[in-house]
Every structure is written in structure tokens, then in C-alpha cells.
PDB file of N, CA and C in Angstrom:
ATOM      1  N   UNK A   1      30.341  75.463-131.464  1.00  0.00           N
ATOM      2  CA  UNK A   1      29.957  76.776-130.974  1.00  0.00           C
ATOM      3  C   UNK A   1      30.867  77.866-131.551  1.00  0.00           C
ATOM      4  N   UNK A   2      32.177  77.618-131.528  1.00  0.00           N
ATOM      5  CA  UNK A   2      33.092  78.645-132.036  1.00  0.00           C
ATOM      6  C   UNK A   2      32.902  78.869-133.531  1.00  0.00           C
ATOM      7  N   UNK A   3      32.537  77.807-134.267  1.00  0.00           N
ATOM      8  CA  UNK A   3      32.285  77.979-135.694  1.00  0.00           C
ATOM      9  C   UNK A   3      31.105  78.913-135.911  1.00  0.00           C
ATOM     10  N   UNK A   4      30.089  78.828-135.094  1.00  0.00           N
ATOM     11  CA  UNK A   4      28.936  79.713-135.219  1.00  0.00           C
ATOM     12  C   UNK A   4      29.324  81.147-134.897  1.00  0.00           C
ATOM     13  N   UNK A   5      30.113  81.328-133.854  1.00  0.00           N
ATOM     14  CA  UNK A   5      30.517  82.674-133.444  1.00  0.00           C
ATOM     15  C   UNK A   5      31.358  83.331-134.530  1.00  0.00           C
ATOM     16  N   UNK A   6      32.347  82.631-135.054  1.00  0.00           N
ATOM     17  CA  UNK A   6      33.260  83.223-136.024  1.00  0.00           C
ATOM     18  C   UNK A   6      32.688  83.249-137.442  1.00  0.00           C
ATOM     19  N   UNK A   7      31.542  82.627-137.652  1.00  0.00           N
ATOM     20  CA  UNK A   7      30.940  82.674-138.978  1.00  0.00           C
ATOM     21  C   UNK A   7      30.137  83.955-139.195  1.00  0.00           C
ATOM     22  N   UNK A   8      29.979  84.774-138.157  1.00  0.00           N
ATOM     23  CA  UNK A   8      29.234  86.030-138.257  1.00  0.00           C
ATOM     24  C   UNK A   8      30.185  87.212-138.217  1.00  0.00           C
ATOM     25  N   UNK A   9      29.779  88.270-138.837  1.00  0.00           N
ATOM     26  CA  UNK A   9      30.568  89.494-138.855  1.00  0.00           C
ATOM     27  C   UNK A   9      30.525  90.132-137.472  1.00  0.00           C
ATOM     28  N   UNK A  10      31.660  90.237-136.777  1.00  0.00           N
ATOM     29  CA  UNK A  10      31.635  90.789-135.413  1.00  0.00           C
ATOM     30  C   UNK A  10      31.155  92.240-135.356  1.00  0.00           C
ATOM     31  N   UNK A  11      31.472  93.027-136.386  1.00  0.00           N
ATOM     32  CA  UNK A  11      31.026  94.415-136.400  1.00  0.00           C
ATOM     33  C   UNK A  11      29.512  94.495-136.521  1.00  0.00           C
ATOM     34  N   UNK A  12      28.947  93.673-137.379  1.00  0.00           N
ATOM     35  CA  UNK A  12      27.488  93.661-137.542  1.00  0.00           C
ATOM     36  C   UNK A  12      26.811  93.170-136.268  1.00  0.00           C
ATOM     37  N   UNK A  13      27.382  92.166-135.628  1.00  0.00           N
ATOM     38  CA  UNK A  13      26.805  91.634-134.388  1.00  0.00           C
ATOM     39  C   UNK A  13      26.872  92.682-133.284  1.00  0.00           C
ATOM     40  N   UNK A  14      27.949  93.456-133.236  1.00  0.00           N
ATOM     41  CA  UNK A  14      28.077  94.475-132.188  1.00  0.00           C
ATOM     42  C   UNK A  14      27.067  95.602-132.359  1.00  0.00           C
ATOM     43  N   UNK A  15      26.536  95.767-133.572  1.00  0.00           N
ATOM     44  CA  UNK A  15      25.575  96.841-133.834  1.00  0.00           C
ATOM     45  C   UNK A  15      24.123  96.399-133.668  1.00  0.00           C
ATOM     46  N   UNK A  16      23.898  95.121-133.363  1.00  0.00           N
ATOM     47  CA  UNK A  16      22.529  94.630-133.191  1.00  0.00           C
ATOM     48  C   UNK A  16      21.834  95.395-132.075  1.00  0.00           C
ATOM     49  N   UNK A  17      20.617  95.783-132.313  1.00  0.00           N
ATOM     50  CA  UNK A  17      19.841  96.494-131.306  1.00  0.00           C
ATOM     51  C   UNK A  17      20.075  97.986-131.263  1.00  0.00           C
ATOM     52  N   UNK A  18      21.054  98.480-132.000  1.00  0.00           N
ATOM     53  CA  UNK A  18      21.323  99.916-132.048  1.00  0.00           C
ATOM     54  C   UNK A  18      20.605 100.521-133.242  1.00  0.00           C
ATOM     55  N   UNK A  19      19.822 101.534-132.994  1.00  0.00           N
ATOM     56  CA  UNK A  19      19.143 102.233-134.086  1.00  0.00           C
ATOM     57  C   UNK A  19      20.104 103.275-134.649  1.00  0.00           C
ATOM     58  N   UNK A  20      20.552 103.102-135.896  1.00  0.00           N
ATOM     59  CA  UNK A  20      21.540 104.030-136.435  1.00  0.00           C
ATOM     60  C   UNK A  20      20.986 105.417-136.718  1.00  0.00           C
ATOM     61  N   UNK A  21      19.670 105.563-136.750  1.00  0.00           N
ATOM     62  CA  UNK A  21      19.094 106.868-137.035  1.00  0.00           C
ATOM     63  C   UNK A  21      18.935 107.069-138.527  1.00  0.00           C
ATOM     64  N   UNK A  22      18.873 108.310-138.913  1.00  0.00           N
ATOM     65  CA  UNK A  22      18.641 108.649-140.317  1.00  0.00           C
ATOM     66  C   UNK A  22      19.881 109.318-140.891  1.00  0.00           C
ATOM     67  N   UNK A  23      20.151 109.017-142.140  1.00  0.00           N
ATOM     68  CA  UNK A  23      21.292 109.596-142.825  1.00  0.00           C
ATOM     69  C   UNK A  23      21.050 111.084-143.073  1.00  0.00           C
ATOM     70  N   UNK A  24      22.068 111.925-142.884  1.00  0.00           N
ATOM     71  CA  UNK A  24      21.897 113.357-143.145  1.00  0.00           C
ATOM     72  C   UNK A  24      21.771 113.688-144.628  1.00  0.00           C
ATOM     73  N   UNK A  25      22.160 112.766-145.521  1.00  0.00           N
ATOM     74  CA  UNK A  25      22.027 112.982-146.963  1.00  0.00           C
ATOM     75  C   UNK A  25      21.091 111.926-147.537  1.00  0.00           C
ATOM     76  N   UNK A  26      20.139 112.349-148.350  1.00  0.00           N
ATOM     77  CA  UNK A  26      19.222 111.380-148.959  1.00  0.00           C
ATOM     78  C   UNK A  26      19.871 110.766-150.199  1.00  0.00           C
ATOM     79  N   UNK A  27      19.212 109.773-150.758  1.00  0.00           N
ATOM     80  CA  UNK A  27      19.789 109.049-151.888  1.00  0.00           C
ATOM     81  C   UNK A  27      19.956 109.951-153.115  1.00  0.00           C
ATOM     82  N   UNK A  28      19.049 110.882-153.317  1.00  0.00           N
ATOM     83  CA  UNK A  28      19.174 111.797-154.446  1.00  0.00           C
ATOM     84  C   UNK A  28      20.418 112.665-154.350  1.00  0.00           C
ATOM     85  N   UNK A  29      20.715 113.128-153.154  1.00  0.00           N
ATOM     86  CA  UNK A  29      21.912 113.951-152.954  1.00  0.00           C
ATOM     87  C   UNK A  29      23.179 113.135-153.173  1.00  0.00           C
ATOM     88  N   UNK A  30      23.166 111.882-152.721  1.00  0.00           N
ATOM     89  CA  UNK A  30      24.345 111.032-152.907  1.00  0.00           C
ATOM     90  C   UNK A  30      24.547 110.697-154.383  1.00  0.00           C
ATOM     91  N   UNK A  31      23.463 110.459-155.098  1.00  0.00           N
ATOM     92  CA  UNK A  31      23.579 110.196-156.532  1.00  0.00           C
ATOM     93  C   UNK A  31      24.096 111.433-157.263  1.00  0.00           C
ATOM     94  N   UNK A  32      23.670 112.614-156.832  1.00  0.00           N
ATOM     95  CA  UNK A  32      24.133 113.864-157.444  1.00  0.00           C
ATOM     96  C   UNK A  32      25.625 114.092-157.192  1.00  0.00           C
ATOM     97  N   UNK A  33      26.143 113.512-156.103  1.00  0.00           N
ATOM     98  CA  UNK A  33      27.575 113.628-155.805  1.00  0.00           C
ATOM     99  C   UNK A  33      28.417 112.676-156.651  1.00  0.00           C
ATOM    100  N   UNK A  34      27.761 111.809-157.407  1.00  0.00           N
ATOM    101  CA  UNK A  34      28.485 110.870-158.251  1.00  0.00           C
ATOM    102  C   UNK A  34      28.715 109.519-157.616  1.00  0.00           C
ATOM    103  N   UNK A  35      28.051 109.245-156.521  1.00  0.00           N
ATOM    104  CA  UNK A  35      28.190 107.956-155.852  1.00  0.00           C
ATOM    105  C   UNK A  35      27.304 106.946-156.583  1.00  0.00           C
ATOM    106  N   UNK A  36      27.855 105.782-156.955  1.00  0.00           N
ATOM    107  CA  UNK A  36      27.059 104.782-157.671  1.00  0.00           C
ATOM    108  C   UNK A  36      25.854 104.317-156.851  1.00  0.00           C
ATOM    109  N   UNK A  37      24.775 104.017-157.543  1.00  0.00           N
ATOM    110  CA  UNK A  37      23.524 103.627-156.879  1.00  0.00           C
ATOM    111  C   UNK A  37      23.705 102.393-156.010  1.00  0.00           C
ATOM    112  N   UNK A  38      24.601 101.479-156.387  1.00  0.00           N
ATOM    113  CA  UNK A  38      24.784 100.269-155.595  1.00  0.00           C
ATOM    114  C   UNK A  38      25.457 100.544-154.250  1.00  0.00           C
ATOM    115  N   UNK A  39      26.147 101.672-154.132  1.00  0.00           N
ATOM    116  CA  UNK A  39      26.835 102.014-152.896  1.00  0.00           C
ATOM    117  C   UNK A  39      26.021 102.930-151.990  1.00  0.00           C
ATOM    118  N   UNK A  40      24.954 103.512-152.503  1.00  0.00           N
ATOM    119  CA  UNK A  40      24.177 104.499-151.754  1.00  0.00           C
ATOM    120  C   UNK A  40      23.664 103.965-150.409  1.00  0.00           C
ATOM    121  N   UNK A  41      23.065 102.764-150.347  1.00  0.00           N
ATOM    122  CA  UNK A  41      22.563 102.303-149.042  1.00  0.00           C
ATOM    123  C   UNK A  41      23.656 102.158-147.979  1.00  0.00           C
ATOM    124  N   UNK A  42      24.834 101.665-148.377  1.00  0.00           N
ATOM    125  CA  UNK A  42      25.919 101.503-147.410  1.00  0.00           C
ATOM    126  C   UNK A  42      26.474 102.848-146.966  1.00  0.00           C
ATOM    127  N   UNK A  43      26.575 103.791-147.899  1.00  0.00           N
ATOM    128  CA  UNK A  43      27.063 105.133-147.547  1.00  0.00           C
ATOM    129  C   UNK A  43      26.072 105.801-146.598  1.00  0.00           C
ATOM    130  N   UNK A  44      24.773 105.660-146.881  1.00  0.00           N
ATOM    131  CA  UNK A  44      23.758 106.230-145.983  1.00  0.00           C
ATOM    132  C   UNK A  44      23.841 105.601-144.598  1.00  0.00           C
ATOM    133  N   UNK A  45      24.055 104.298-144.529  1.00  0.00           N
ATOM    134  CA  UNK A  45      24.156 103.619-143.234  1.00  0.00           C
ATOM    135  C   UNK A  45      25.359 104.117-142.444  1.00  0.00           C
ATOM    136  N   UNK A  46      26.493 104.296-143.116  1.00  0.00           N
ATOM    137  CA  UNK A  46      27.688 104.793-142.432  1.00  0.00           C
ATOM    138  C   UNK A  46      27.511 106.241-141.978  1.00  0.00           C
ATOM    139  N   UNK A  47      26.914 107.066-142.818  1.00  0.00           N
ATOM    140  CA  UNK A  47      26.672 108.456-142.423  1.00  0.00           C
ATOM    141  C   UNK A  47      25.707 108.526-141.237  1.00  0.00           C
ATOM    142  N   UNK A  48      24.696 107.680-141.241  1.00  0.00           N
ATOM    143  CA  UNK A  48      23.748 107.655-140.122  1.00  0.00           C
ATOM    144  C   UNK A  48      24.446 107.223-138.844  1.00  0.00           C
ATOM    145  N   UNK A  49      25.301 106.201-138.949  1.00  0.00           N
ATOM    146  CA  UNK A  49      26.029 105.715-137.772  1.00  0.00           C
ATOM    147  C   UNK A  49      26.966 106.788-137.229  1.00  0.00           C
ATOM    148  N   UNK A  50      27.683 107.461-138.121  1.00  0.00           N
ATOM    149  CA  UNK A  50      28.603 108.513-137.687  1.00  0.00           C
ATOM    150  C   UNK A  50      27.870 109.711-137.090  1.00  0.00           C
ATOM    151  N   UNK A  51      26.761 110.092-137.705  1.00  0.00           N
ATOM    152  CA  UNK A  51      26.036 111.262-137.201  1.00  0.00           C
ATOM    153  C   UNK A  51      25.349 110.971-135.870  1.00  0.00           C
ATOM    154  N   UNK A  52      25.072 109.700-135.588  1.00  0.00           N
ATOM    155  CA  UNK A  52      24.481 109.346-134.297  1.00  0.00           C
ATOM    156  C   UNK A  52      25.514 109.444-133.181  1.00  0.00           C
ATOM    157  N   UNK A  53      26.794 109.206-133.524  1.00  0.00           N
ATOM    158  CA  UNK A  53      27.848 109.228-132.506  1.00  0.00           C
ATOM    159  C   UNK A  53      28.448 110.601-132.292  1.00  0.00           C
ATOM    160  N   UNK A  54      28.642 111.360-133.372  1.00  0.00           N
ATOM    161  CA  UNK A  54      29.289 112.664-133.276  1.00  0.00           C
ATOM    162  C   UNK A  54      28.562 113.671-134.158  1.00  0.00           C
ATOM    163  N   UNK A  55      28.566 114.932-133.787  1.00  0.00           N
ATOM    164  CA  UNK A  55      27.962 115.941-134.667  1.00  0.00           C
ATOM    165  C   UNK A  55      28.852 116.146-135.898  1.00  0.00           C
ATOM    166  N   UNK A  56      28.231 116.148-137.069  1.00  0.00           N
ATOM    167  CA  UNK A  56      28.965 116.315-138.314  1.00  0.00           C
ATOM    168  C   UNK A  56      28.697 117.693-138.904  1.00  0.00           C
ATOM    169  N   UNK A  57      29.740 118.288-139.455  1.00  0.00           N
ATOM    170  CA  UNK A  57      29.624 119.579-140.118  1.00  0.00           C
ATOM    171  C   UNK A  57      28.910 119.381-141.456  1.00  0.00           C
ATOM    172  N   UNK A  58      27.788 120.045-141.690  1.00  0.00           N
ATOM    173  CA  UNK A  58      27.066 119.866-142.953  1.00  0.00           C
ATOM    174  C   UNK A  58      27.907 120.174-144.186  1.00  0.00           C
ATOM    175  N   UNK A  59      28.854 121.076-144.061  1.00  0.00           N
ATOM    176  CA  UNK A  59      29.704 121.416-145.210  1.00  0.00           C
ATOM    177  C   UNK A  59      30.670 120.278-145.547  1.00  0.00           C
ATOM    178  N   UNK A  60      30.997 119.439-144.568  1.00  0.00           N
ATOM    179  CA  UNK A  60      31.938 118.342-144.783  1.00  0.00           C
ATOM    180  C   UNK A  60      31.255 117.060-145.252  1.00  0.00           C
ATOM    181  N   UNK A  61      29.928 117.015-145.207  1.00  0.00           N
ATOM    182  CA  UNK A  61      29.208 115.785-145.550  1.00  0.00           C
ATOM    183  C   UNK A  61      29.459 115.297-146.974  1.00  0.00           C
ATOM    184  N   UNK A  62      29.456 116.152-147.994  1.00  0.00           N
ATOM    185  CA  UNK A  62      29.701 115.628-149.353  1.00  0.00           C
ATOM    186  C   UNK A  62      31.058 114.940-149.501  1.00  0.00           C
ATOM    187  N   UNK A  63      32.095 115.540-148.991  1.00  0.00           N
ATOM    188  CA  UNK A  63      33.425 114.923-149.098  1.00  0.00           C
ATOM    189  C   UNK A  63      33.514 113.659-148.261  1.00  0.00           C
ATOM    190  N   UNK A  64      32.893 113.654-147.098  1.00  0.00           N
ATOM    191  CA  UNK A  64      32.871 112.462-146.260  1.00  0.00           C
ATOM    192  C   UNK A  64      32.145 111.323-146.969  1.00  0.00           C
ATOM    193  N   UNK A  65      31.041 111.617-147.620  1.00  0.00           N
ATOM    194  CA  UNK A  65      30.293 110.610-148.354  1.00  0.00           C
ATOM    195  C   UNK A  65      31.132 110.047-149.500  1.00  0.00           C
ATOM    196  N   UNK A  66      31.867 110.903-150.193  1.00  0.00           N
ATOM    197  CA  UNK A  66      32.735 110.427-151.285  1.00  0.00           C
ATOM    198  C   UNK A  66      33.847 109.515-150.748  1.00  0.00           C
ATOM    199  N   UNK A  67      34.424 109.887-149.607  1.00  0.00           N
ATOM    200  CA  UNK A  67      35.471 109.063-149.012  1.00  0.00           C
ATOM    201  C   UNK A  67      34.942 107.700-148.594  1.00  0.00           C
ATOM    202  N   UNK A  68      33.759 107.674-148.011  1.00  0.00           N
ATOM    203  CA  UNK A  68      33.146 106.403-147.611  1.00  0.00           C
ATOM    204  C   UNK A  68      32.901 105.546-148.846  1.00  0.00           C
ATOM    205  N   UNK A  69      32.382 106.148-149.913  1.00  0.00           N
ATOM    206  CA  UNK A  69      32.092 105.407-151.137  1.00  0.00           C
ATOM    207  C   UNK A  69      33.368 104.839-151.746  1.00  0.00           C
ATOM    208  N   UNK A  70      34.463 105.576-151.674  1.00  0.00           N
ATOM    209  CA  UNK A  70      35.730 105.075-152.220  1.00  0.00           C
ATOM    210  C   UNK A  70      36.226 103.856-151.455  1.00  0.00           C
ATOM    211  N   UNK A  71      35.926 103.784-150.164  1.00  0.00           N
ATOM    212  CA  UNK A  71      36.386 102.673-149.341  1.00  0.00           C
ATOM    213  C   UNK A  71      35.582 101.388-149.580  1.00  0.00           C
ATOM    214  N   UNK A  72      34.376 101.534-150.107  1.00  0.00           N
ATOM    215  CA  UNK A  72      33.518 100.374-150.329  1.00  0.00           C
ATOM    216  C   UNK A  72      33.879  99.677-151.627  1.00  0.00           C
ATOM    217  N   UNK A  73      33.727  98.371-151.640  1.00  0.00           N
ATOM    218  CA  UNK A  73      34.003  97.580-152.859  1.00  0.00           C
ATOM    219  C   UNK A  73      32.885  97.702-153.855  1.00  0.00           C
TER     220      UNK A  73
END
């Protein structure tokens, strides 16, 4: 049982059933910011999750998206 529990990502499991909403920036805007196409879906997911929890300043979104992209592998 413990092997099954620890074989899953706890963060992903904690988000099950939560609708993250929609990302405030579309993929075209993220690509225009210089974010690689392979990172766009994860950056959109993080922006959607953050915007669902707290109001985000639209002027800060580009820099926030770049910071998120830098943190991703």
C-alpha cells in the first residue's frame, strides 16, 4: 500500500478534482515572450492555478510567466 501511495506525485494528487480554470495568457502570447513551446502547457497550467487562488496584476503576468518557465526543466 505504501509503495502505491509514494509512487504518485503528492502535489498532483492533491490537485485532483480541482478545476484550475483558464490561463490569463494564451499560447501565442507565451511564445511571443520567448518561452519554448515545450514549456507552454506547464506555464499555462501554473498561471491558471495561481490566478484561481489570487488576483494577478496583468502588467506582472509576462515576467511571472518568464520566471515560471525558468524554473521548469
